[in-house]
């Protein structure tokens, strides 16, 4: 297998001053404890989106360039903080293969191709909530789709059983597509049968692969839910995707007892409605990396208070202490994961490209005193609400640190350590 990084990651860091932010505005979604991610069509063929479960609106998180990952399932492994998806690539579209995608970095790891007789690119994918086993549905020439386990280290599938029988006594020709595990380990599927082609909700037996019909979704316009993935929120609410009309696609909730689907709202983004869905639990902000000792021998320390759920009652405040008093400084951040790059006599902790926030003057003692009583503070809730950075969207990971003037130090600047958090509604 080999690893690639999306093209945006190859941009070199020229200087902090060159990292401009373009102004725009967007609505501030309401708070949620989890992020719903989905796959679909993107600027370079496929992409991962963050989906607002209150409005249905989706926003771009990662490009997945030149890969056919806009259909089929999406799974998340909390043990490694990685997504999994199955699809093909432009140079070999007929071969299904497993892909691992870093949630923090967007780095794509490609596994070897599967047998050409197997088709998984439109099937479902889900990780068992307690065993960590990865399950998938795919076609192998039989009229009904099959249930498989997929080795997360090799990408090799192992057949369990078919979801139903062949022609011609109804029900026959079971085609299971989207998958989603409930917290108790029950596997649900979106699909249809050739004898009753409308979209239904099913459960699948993990030991045999056999599907049991729960009931119809009741969405008959455009693309039905049969081709979308499923995702359970921690509170037991089930979500899926499907058409609103022949030209628009939306996010739906699904009743796991009846299969009936209810519209949440328009996805808006051009991801379609055949892709994967998965919830990822919110994580507390963390600090990382190494600060640069300043010219007075002080080591500035970054701090974070509040939550990364923007729009709640606890704003996310990032500040630092022990910087030189009354010197100019600013907070800068990246949206591509953490880093530890030698930079200006210290360490750049945010993966380029980076963005800068407005210049601040440190607090502390008044001149002519020169000491380490300086402080900087930045409110990320206010920054998010301002809409000044259009890339600062749901699902992105932020790595941030402070830069300050220190003309007596090497390179003339001071650098703190860094804080990392995910942008959650």
Protein backbone atom coordinates (compact mmCIF):
# COMPACT_ATOMS: atom_id res chain seq x y z
CA UNK A 1 0.00 0.00 0.00
CA UNK A 2 1.10 3.60 -0.38
CA UNK A 3 0.25 6.95 1.11
CA UNK A 4 -0.62 10.23 -0.60
CA UNK A 5 -1.41 13.71 0.66
CA UNK A 6 -4.01 15.97 -0.98
CA UNK A 7 -2.49 18.62 -3.23
CA UNK A 8 -3.27 21.45 -0.79
CA UNK A 9 -0.69 20.02 1.59
CA UNK A 10 2.15 20.67 -0.86
CA UNK A 11 1.80 24.44 -0.59
CA UNK A 12 4.96 25.84 0.97
CA UNK A 13 4.88 28.24 3.91
CA UNK A 14 6.36 31.51 2.58
CA UNK A 15 5.75 33.67 5.63
CA UNK A 16 3.11 34.26 8.25
CA UNK A 17 2.40 37.71 6.84
CA UNK A 18 1.45 36.18 3.49
CA UNK A 19 -1.23 33.95 4.99
CA UNK A 20 -4.26 36.09 4.13
CA UNK A 21 -7.87 35.38 5.01
CA UNK A 22 -10.73 36.10 2.59
CA UNK A 23 -13.87 37.61 4.10
CA UNK A 24 -17.27 35.93 3.75
CA UNK A 25 -20.14 34.98 6.04
CA UNK A 26 -22.06 31.84 6.96
CA UNK A 27 -24.69 30.80 9.47
CA UNK A 28 -23.66 29.59 12.91
CA UNK A 29 -25.19 26.13 13.47
CA UNK A 30 -26.60 25.02 16.76
CA UNK A 31 -24.61 22.93 19.17
CA UNK A 32 -24.20 19.14 18.92
CA UNK A 33 -22.00 16.71 20.83
CA UNK A 34 -20.87 14.82 17.73
CA UNK A 35 -19.80 15.60 14.17
CA UNK A 36 -21.59 13.86 11.30
CA UNK A 37 -19.23 13.28 8.38
CA UNK A 38 -20.27 12.20 4.89
CA UNK A 39 -18.63 11.32 1.58
CA UNK A 40 -19.75 12.49 -1.82
CA UNK A 41 -18.75 14.32 -4.95
CA UNK A 42 -16.14 17.05 -4.53
CA UNK A 43 -13.98 19.57 -6.36
CA UNK A 44 -11.56 16.84 -7.46
CA UNK A 45 -14.04 13.95 -7.86
CA UNK A 46 -14.69 12.97 -4.21
CA UNK A 47 -14.65 14.64 -0.80
CA UNK A 48 -15.48 14.36 2.89
CA UNK A 49 -18.00 16.81 4.32
CA UNK A 50 -19.23 17.89 7.74
CA UNK A 51 -23.03 17.71 7.91
CA UNK A 52 -25.17 19.88 10.19
CA UNK A 53 -27.79 17.57 11.72
CA UNK A 54 -30.16 20.46 12.46
CA UNK A 55 -30.31 21.89 8.92
CA UNK A 56 -28.88 19.14 6.70
CA UNK A 57 -26.33 21.54 5.21
CA UNK A 58 -22.93 20.05 4.33
CA UNK A 59 -19.57 21.84 4.19
CA UNK A 60 -16.30 20.63 2.70
CA UNK A 61 -13.68 19.15 5.06
CA UNK A 62 -11.22 17.19 2.86
CA UNK A 63 -10.77 16.76 -0.87
CA UNK A 64 -10.21 13.14 -1.96
CA UNK A 65 -8.60 13.84 -5.33
CA UNK A 66 -9.04 11.45 -8.25
CA UNK A 67 -10.74 8.73 -6.22
CA UNK A 68 -14.20 7.23 -6.70
CA UNK A 69 -15.33 7.54 -3.08
CA UNK A 70 -18.56 9.46 -3.63
CA UNK A 71 -20.68 6.29 -3.33
CA UNK A 72 -20.52 3.50 -0.79
CA UNK A 73 -19.90 3.59 2.92
CA UNK A 74 -17.78 5.50 5.40
CA UNK A 75 -16.50 4.10 8.72
CA UNK A 76 -14.52 5.63 11.58
CA UNK A 77 -12.03 3.93 13.90
CA UNK A 78 -11.69 5.84 17.19
CA UNK A 79 -8.63 3.78 18.13
CA UNK A 80 -6.58 5.44 15.37
CA UNK A 81 -8.73 8.52 14.53
CA UNK A 82 -9.01 7.33 10.91
CA UNK A 83 -11.83 7.08 8.39
CA UNK A 84 -12.21 4.06 6.09
CA UNK A 85 -13.87 4.02 2.68
CA UNK A 86 -14.00 1.60 -0.27
CA UNK A 87 -13.89 2.71 -3.88
CA UNK A 88 -11.72 2.93 -6.96
CA UNK A 89 -9.25 5.31 -8.53
CA UNK A 90 -9.26 7.05 -11.89
CA UNK A 91 -6.40 4.92 -13.25
CA UNK A 92 -8.11 1.66 -12.19
CA UNK A 93 -11.85 2.33 -11.78
CA UNK A 94 -12.95 -1.30 -12.02
CA UNK A 95 -11.00 -2.51 -8.99
CA UNK A 96 -12.38 -2.02 -5.50
CA UNK A 97 -9.89 -1.22 -2.75
CA UNK A 98 -9.89 0.00 0.83
CA UNK A 99 -8.72 3.52 1.69
CA UNK A 100 -7.75 4.90 5.10
CA UNK A 101 -8.07 8.68 5.57
CA UNK A 102 -6.64 10.56 8.53
CA UNK A 103 -9.42 12.59 10.13
CA UNK A 104 -6.90 15.13 11.44
CA UNK A 105 -4.62 15.33 8.40
CA UNK A 106 -6.64 14.19 5.38
CA UNK A 107 -3.74 11.90 4.41
CA UNK A 108 -4.97 9.02 2.22
CA UNK A 109 -3.54 5.51 2.50
CA UNK A 110 -4.40 3.19 -0.37
CA UNK A 111 -4.55 -0.60 0.07
CA UNK A 112 -4.01 -3.20 -2.70
CA UNK A 113 -6.86 -3.86 -5.09
CA UNK A 114 -9.36 -6.61 -4.36
CA UNK A 115 -10.36 -9.39 -6.74
CA UNK A 116 -11.83 -8.05 -10.00
CA UNK A 117 -14.86 -10.30 -9.42
CA UNK A 118 -15.80 -8.30 -6.29
CA UNK A 119 -17.59 -4.94 -6.38
CA UNK A 120 -17.62 -2.88 -3.18
CA UNK A 121 -17.56 0.69 -4.47
CA UNK A 122 -21.34 1.10 -4.07
CA UNK A 123 -21.74 -1.00 -0.95
CA UNK A 124 -21.90 -0.14 2.72
CA UNK A 125 -19.12 0.03 5.30
CA UNK A 126 -19.36 0.09 9.11
CA UNK A 127 -17.16 -0.58 12.15
CA UNK A 128 -18.54 -2.72 14.96
CA UNK A 129 -18.82 -0.47 18.06
CA UNK A 130 -17.30 -2.98 20.51
CA UNK A 131 -15.16 -5.44 18.53
CA UNK A 132 -13.67 -2.92 16.07
CA UNK A 133 -14.27 -5.33 13.16
CA UNK A 134 -14.88 -3.63 9.81
CA UNK A 135 -17.89 -4.94 7.85
CA UNK A 136 -18.81 -4.26 4.22
CA UNK A 137 -21.39 -5.25 1.64
CA UNK A 138 -20.53 -5.95 -1.98
CA UNK A 139 -21.38 -7.87 -5.10
CA UNK A 140 -19.68 -11.08 -6.19
CA UNK A 141 -21.76 -12.18 -9.18
CA UNK A 142 -24.58 -13.56 -7.06
CA UNK A 143 -27.97 -11.88 -7.42
CA UNK A 144 -27.98 -10.82 -3.75
CA UNK A 145 -25.16 -8.80 -2.22
CA UNK A 146 -22.82 -10.39 0.30
CA UNK A 147 -21.63 -9.43 3.76
CA UNK A 148 -17.86 -9.35 4.32
CA UNK A 149 -15.34 -8.42 6.96
CA UNK A 150 -12.44 -6.27 5.76
CA UNK A 151 -8.98 -6.49 7.33
CA UNK A 152 -8.06 -2.92 8.36
CA UNK A 153 -4.34 -3.65 7.99
CA UNK A 154 -4.35 -5.34 4.57
CA UNK A 155 -7.66 -4.37 2.92
CA UNK A 156 -8.44 -8.06 2.29
CA UNK A 157 -12.15 -9.05 2.37
CA UNK A 158 -13.50 -12.27 3.94
CA UNK A 159 -16.92 -13.53 2.83
CA UNK A 160 -19.61 -14.25 5.48
CA UNK A 161 -22.78 -14.88 3.48
CA UNK A 162 -25.34 -13.49 1.05
CA UNK A 163 -28.14 -11.24 2.19
CA UNK A 164 -30.87 -13.22 0.42
CA UNK A 165 -31.76 -15.68 -2.29
CA UNK A 166 -31.76 -15.79 -6.06
CA UNK A 167 -34.73 -15.46 -8.40
CA UNK A 168 -37.63 -15.98 -8.44
CA UNK A 169 -39.86 -16.42 -5.39
CA UNK A 170 -40.36 -13.09 -3.59
CA UNK A 171 -38.49 -11.69 -1.82
CA UNK A 172 -35.39 -12.26 -3.93
CA UNK A 173 -32.35 -10.34 -5.13
CA UNK A 174 -31.43 -8.57 -1.89
CA UNK A 175 -29.16 -5.57 -2.55
CA UNK A 176 -27.78 -4.11 0.68
CA UNK A 177 -25.91 -0.83 0.34
CA UNK A 178 -25.56 1.60 3.25
CA UNK A 179 -24.63 0.14 6.65
CA UNK A 180 -24.76 1.47 10.20
CA UNK A 181 -24.21 -0.13 13.61
CA UNK A 182 -26.41 0.69 16.57
CA UNK A 183 -24.60 0.92 19.93
CA UNK A 184 -25.79 -2.59 20.87
CA UNK A 185 -24.01 -4.11 17.83
CA UNK A 186 -27.11 -4.52 15.62
CA UNK A 187 -26.23 -3.92 11.97
CA UNK A 188 -28.74 -1.94 9.93
CA UNK A 189 -28.74 -1.58 6.15
CA UNK A 190 -30.38 0.48 3.44
CA UNK A 191 -31.33 -1.51 0.37
CA UNK A 192 -33.98 -3.06 -1.83
CA UNK A 193 -34.99 -6.36 -3.38
CA UNK A 194 -35.48 -7.00 -7.07
CA UNK A 195 -38.97 -8.24 -6.28
CA UNK A 196 -39.81 -5.00 -4.35
CA UNK A 197 -37.44 -2.35 -5.74
CA UNK A 198 -38.46 0.54 -3.47
CA UNK A 199 -35.99 1.56 -0.75
CA UNK A 200 -36.33 -0.25 2.61
CA UNK A 201 -34.51 -0.47 5.95
CA UNK A 202 -33.12 -3.88 6.94
CA UNK A 203 -31.09 -5.56 9.66
CA UNK A 204 -28.29 -7.98 8.77
CA UNK A 205 -27.23 -11.07 10.70
CA UNK A 206 -23.49 -10.83 11.38
CA UNK A 207 -23.07 -14.61 11.43
CA UNK A 208 -24.91 -15.44 8.20
CA UNK A 209 -25.20 -12.18 6.24
CA UNK A 210 -28.98 -12.67 5.85
CA UNK A 211 -31.10 -9.50 5.69
CA UNK A 212 -34.43 -8.98 7.49
CA UNK A 213 -36.81 -6.32 6.19
CA UNK A 214 -37.96 -3.68 8.70
CA UNK A 215 -40.01 -1.46 6.40
CA UNK A 216 -40.07 1.10 3.56
CA UNK A 217 -38.45 4.52 3.79
CA UNK A 218 -41.36 6.13 1.96
CA UNK A 219 -39.09 8.41 -0.12
CA UNK A 220 -39.92 7.78 -3.76
CA UNK A 221 -38.81 10.95 -5.57
CA UNK A 222 -35.42 10.98 -7.27
CA UNK A 223 -32.68 8.88 -5.68
CA UNK A 224 -34.09 6.81 -2.84
CA UNK A 225 -32.29 6.13 0.46
CA UNK A 226 -31.38 2.61 -0.70
CA UNK A 227 -27.94 3.77 -1.88
CA UNK A 228 -26.96 5.91 1.10
CA UNK A 229 -25.05 4.94 4.21
CA UNK A 230 -26.55 4.96 7.72
CA UNK A 231 -25.22 6.55 10.91
CA UNK A 232 -26.48 6.30 14.49
CA UNK A 233 -25.96 9.27 16.80
CA UNK A 234 -25.11 8.52 20.43
CA UNK A 235 -28.71 9.24 21.45
CA UNK A 236 -29.97 6.48 19.10
CA UNK A 237 -31.19 8.77 16.30
CA UNK A 238 -30.54 7.22 12.87
CA UNK A 239 -29.56 9.36 9.86
CA UNK A 240 -29.33 8.71 6.13
CA UNK A 241 -29.38 10.59 2.82
CA UNK A 242 -31.72 10.62 -0.15
CA UNK A 243 -33.36 12.85 -2.73
CA UNK A 244 -35.78 15.63 -1.87
CA UNK A 245 -36.73 16.10 -5.53
CA UNK A 246 -35.22 14.85 -8.74
CA UNK A 247 -32.67 17.69 -8.54
CA UNK A 248 -32.01 18.18 -4.80
CA UNK A 249 -30.64 15.90 -2.10
CA UNK A 250 -31.22 15.96 1.63
CA UNK A 251 -30.40 14.58 5.05
CA UNK A 252 -33.04 12.33 6.61
CA UNK A 253 -33.73 10.73 9.96
CA UNK A 254 -34.91 7.12 9.84
CA UNK A 255 -37.11 5.32 12.36
CA UNK A 256 -35.23 2.08 13.20
CA UNK A 257 -38.52 0.41 14.18
CA UNK A 258 -40.44 1.09 10.96
CA UNK A 259 -37.91 2.30 8.38
CA UNK A 260 -39.87 5.52 7.77
CA UNK A 261 -37.68 8.48 6.76
CA UNK A 262 -38.25 12.13 7.69
CA UNK A 263 -36.50 15.04 5.97
CA UNK A 264 -34.11 17.20 7.99
CA UNK A 265 -33.02 19.59 5.23
CA UNK A 266 -31.16 20.23 2.00
CA UNK A 267 -27.53 19.10 1.90
CA UNK A 268 -26.83 22.04 -0.46
CA UNK A 269 -23.23 20.92 -1.19
CA UNK A 270 -22.82 18.85 -4.40
CA UNK A 271 -22.03 15.61 -2.57
CA UNK A 272 -25.04 13.69 -3.92
CA UNK A 273 -26.83 11.19 -1.69
CA UNK A 274 -25.13 7.83 -2.37
CA UNK A 275 -22.17 8.30 -0.05
CA UNK A 276 -21.11 7.26 3.42
CA UNK A 277 -22.16 8.71 6.78
CA UNK A 278 -20.57 8.31 10.20
CA UNK A 279 -20.69 10.12 13.54
CA UNK A 280 -17.50 11.01 15.40
CA UNK A 281 -17.60 11.96 19.06
CA UNK A 282 -16.47 15.40 20.16
CA UNK A 283 -13.00 15.55 21.73
CA UNK A 284 -11.72 18.07 24.25
CA UNK A 285 -9.11 20.61 23.06
CA UNK A 286 -5.52 19.53 23.78
CA UNK A 287 -2.14 21.25 23.90
CA UNK A 288 0.94 19.93 22.11
CA UNK A 289 4.33 20.88 20.61
CA UNK A 290 7.25 22.85 22.16
CA UNK A 291 7.45 26.57 22.93
CA UNK A 292 10.55 28.65 22.15
CA UNK A 293 12.43 30.05 25.18
CA UNK A 294 12.48 33.84 24.84
CA UNK A 295 15.38 36.27 25.27
CA UNK A 296 14.66 36.69 29.01
CA UNK A 297 14.71 32.93 29.59
CA UNK A 298 10.92 32.58 29.90
CA UNK A 299 9.00 29.73 28.25
CA UNK A 300 5.54 30.94 27.17
CA UNK A 301 2.68 28.51 27.70
CA UNK A 302 -0.53 28.37 25.67
CA UNK A 303 -3.80 27.67 27.46
CA UNK A 304 -7.34 26.85 26.33
CA UNK A 305 -10.65 27.18 28.18
CA UNK A 306 -14.20 26.44 27.12
CA UNK A 307 -15.44 23.99 24.51
CA UNK A 308 -15.00 23.62 20.76
CA UNK A 309 -18.80 23.47 20.33
CA UNK A 310 -19.17 26.91 18.82
CA UNK A 311 -22.41 28.64 19.66
CA UNK A 312 -22.80 27.18 23.14
CA UNK A 313 -22.55 29.04 26.44
CA UNK A 314 -18.84 28.25 26.92
CA UNK A 315 -16.73 30.11 24.32
CA UNK A 316 -13.38 28.64 23.30
CA UNK A 317 -10.70 31.04 24.55
CA UNK A 318 -7.02 30.52 23.72
CA UNK A 319 -4.48 32.61 25.62
CA UNK A 320 -0.82 32.61 26.59
CA UNK A 321 1.28 33.90 29.47
CA UNK A 322 4.98 34.66 30.00
CA UNK A 323 5.57 36.56 26.76
CA UNK A 324 7.42 39.89 26.60
CA UNK A 325 5.28 42.79 27.81
CA UNK A 326 3.81 45.36 25.41
CA UNK A 327 5.13 43.63 22.26
CA UNK A 328 3.09 43.01 19.13
CA UNK A 329 1.95 39.48 18.46
CA UNK A 330 -0.79 37.41 16.90
CA UNK A 331 -2.31 33.96 16.87
CA UNK A 332 -1.94 31.89 13.71
CA UNK A 333 -3.44 28.52 12.89
CA UNK A 334 -3.62 25.75 10.31
CA UNK A 335 -6.47 23.48 9.24
CA UNK A 336 -4.38 20.51 8.13
CA UNK A 337 -3.34 18.86 11.37
CA UNK A 338 -0.40 19.20 13.78
CA UNK A 339 3.25 19.73 12.82
CA UNK A 340 6.69 20.07 14.40
CA UNK A 341 8.69 22.01 11.79
CA UNK A 342 11.86 24.01 12.61
CA UNK A 343 10.86 27.66 12.19
CA UNK A 344 12.44 31.00 13.16
CA UNK A 345 14.60 29.44 15.84
CA UNK A 346 11.67 27.52 17.32
CA UNK A 347 8.96 25.13 16.15
CA UNK A 348 6.05 25.66 13.78
CA UNK A 349 3.31 23.55 15.33
CA UNK A 350 0.54 24.05 12.72
CA UNK A 351 0.69 22.22 9.42
CA UNK A 352 0.97 24.75 6.54
CA UNK A 353 -0.72 26.57 4.95
CA UNK A 354 -1.38 28.75 7.98
CA UNK A 355 -3.76 31.63 8.57
CA UNK A 356 -3.16 34.63 10.79
CA UNK A 357 -5.50 36.58 13.04
CA UNK A 358 -5.30 40.34 13.74
CA UNK A 359 -2.22 41.76 15.49
CA UNK A 360 -2.48 42.28 19.27
CA UNK A 361 -0.33 44.20 21.75
CA UNK A 362 0.67 42.15 24.76
CA UNK A 363 -0.46 43.18 28.20
CA UNK A 364 1.83 43.40 31.21
CA UNK A 365 4.09 45.99 32.79
CA UNK A 366 4.51 49.45 31.24
CA UNK A 367 7.84 50.56 29.71
CA UNK A 368 10.62 51.06 30.54
CA UNK A 369 10.12 47.73 32.35
CA UNK A 370 10.94 44.73 30.15
CA UNK A 371 9.80 41.43 31.59
CA UNK A 372 7.66 38.34 30.87
CA UNK A 373 4.37 39.73 32.17
CA UNK A 374 2.85 39.93 28.67
CA UNK A 375 -0.35 38.10 27.70
CA UNK A 376 -2.37 37.45 24.54
CA UNK A 377 -5.99 36.23 24.29
CA UNK A 378 -8.08 35.08 21.34
CA UNK A 379 -11.78 34.13 21.19
CA UNK A 380 -12.31 31.40 18.60
CA UNK A 381 -16.11 31.47 19.03
CA UNK A 382 -16.15 35.09 17.90
CA UNK A 383 -13.78 34.28 15.03
CA UNK A 384 -16.02 31.43 13.88
CA UNK A 385 -19.14 33.56 14.07
CA UNK A 386 -17.50 36.41 12.13
CA UNK A 387 -17.14 34.28 8.99
CA UNK A 388 -13.76 35.91 8.21
CA UNK A 389 -12.25 32.55 7.24
CA UNK A 390 -14.50 30.56 4.84
CA UNK A 391 -12.36 27.45 5.36
CA UNK A 392 -13.02 27.49 9.12
CA UNK A 393 -15.88 25.00 8.83
CA UNK A 394 -17.55 22.11 10.62
CA UNK A 395 -15.30 19.06 10.99
CA UNK A 396 -11.96 20.77 10.44
CA UNK A 397 -9.08 20.29 12.86
CA UNK A 398 -7.37 23.46 14.09
CA UNK A 399 -3.77 23.71 15.26
CA UNK A 400 -2.99 27.16 16.70
CA UNK A 401 -0.06 28.96 18.38
CA UNK A 402 1.00 32.53 19.19
CA UNK A 403 3.82 34.49 17.50
CA UNK A 404 5.31 37.57 19.16
CA UNK A 405 8.08 40.14 18.75
CA UNK A 406 11.33 39.36 20.59
CA UNK A 407 14.10 41.29 18.83
CA UNK A 408 16.82 40.05 21.19
CA UNK A 409 16.12 36.38 20.44
CA UNK A 410 17.21 34.29 17.49
CA UNK A 411 15.22 35.31 14.40
CA UNK A 412 13.63 38.14 16.40
CA UNK A 413 10.41 36.33 17.29
CA UNK A 414 8.86 34.30 20.08
CA UNK A 415 6.70 31.19 19.60
CA UNK A 416 4.42 29.42 22.06
CA UNK A 417 3.41 25.77 22.09
CA UNK A 418 0.08 24.95 20.40
CA UNK A 419 -3.53 23.91 20.97
CA UNK A 420 -5.53 21.50 18.81
CA UNK A 421 -9.32 21.16 18.54
CA UNK A 422 -12.02 20.15 16.06
CA UNK A 423 -14.65 22.59 14.84
CA UNK A 424 -17.94 21.23 16.11
CA UNK A 425 -21.43 22.75 15.93
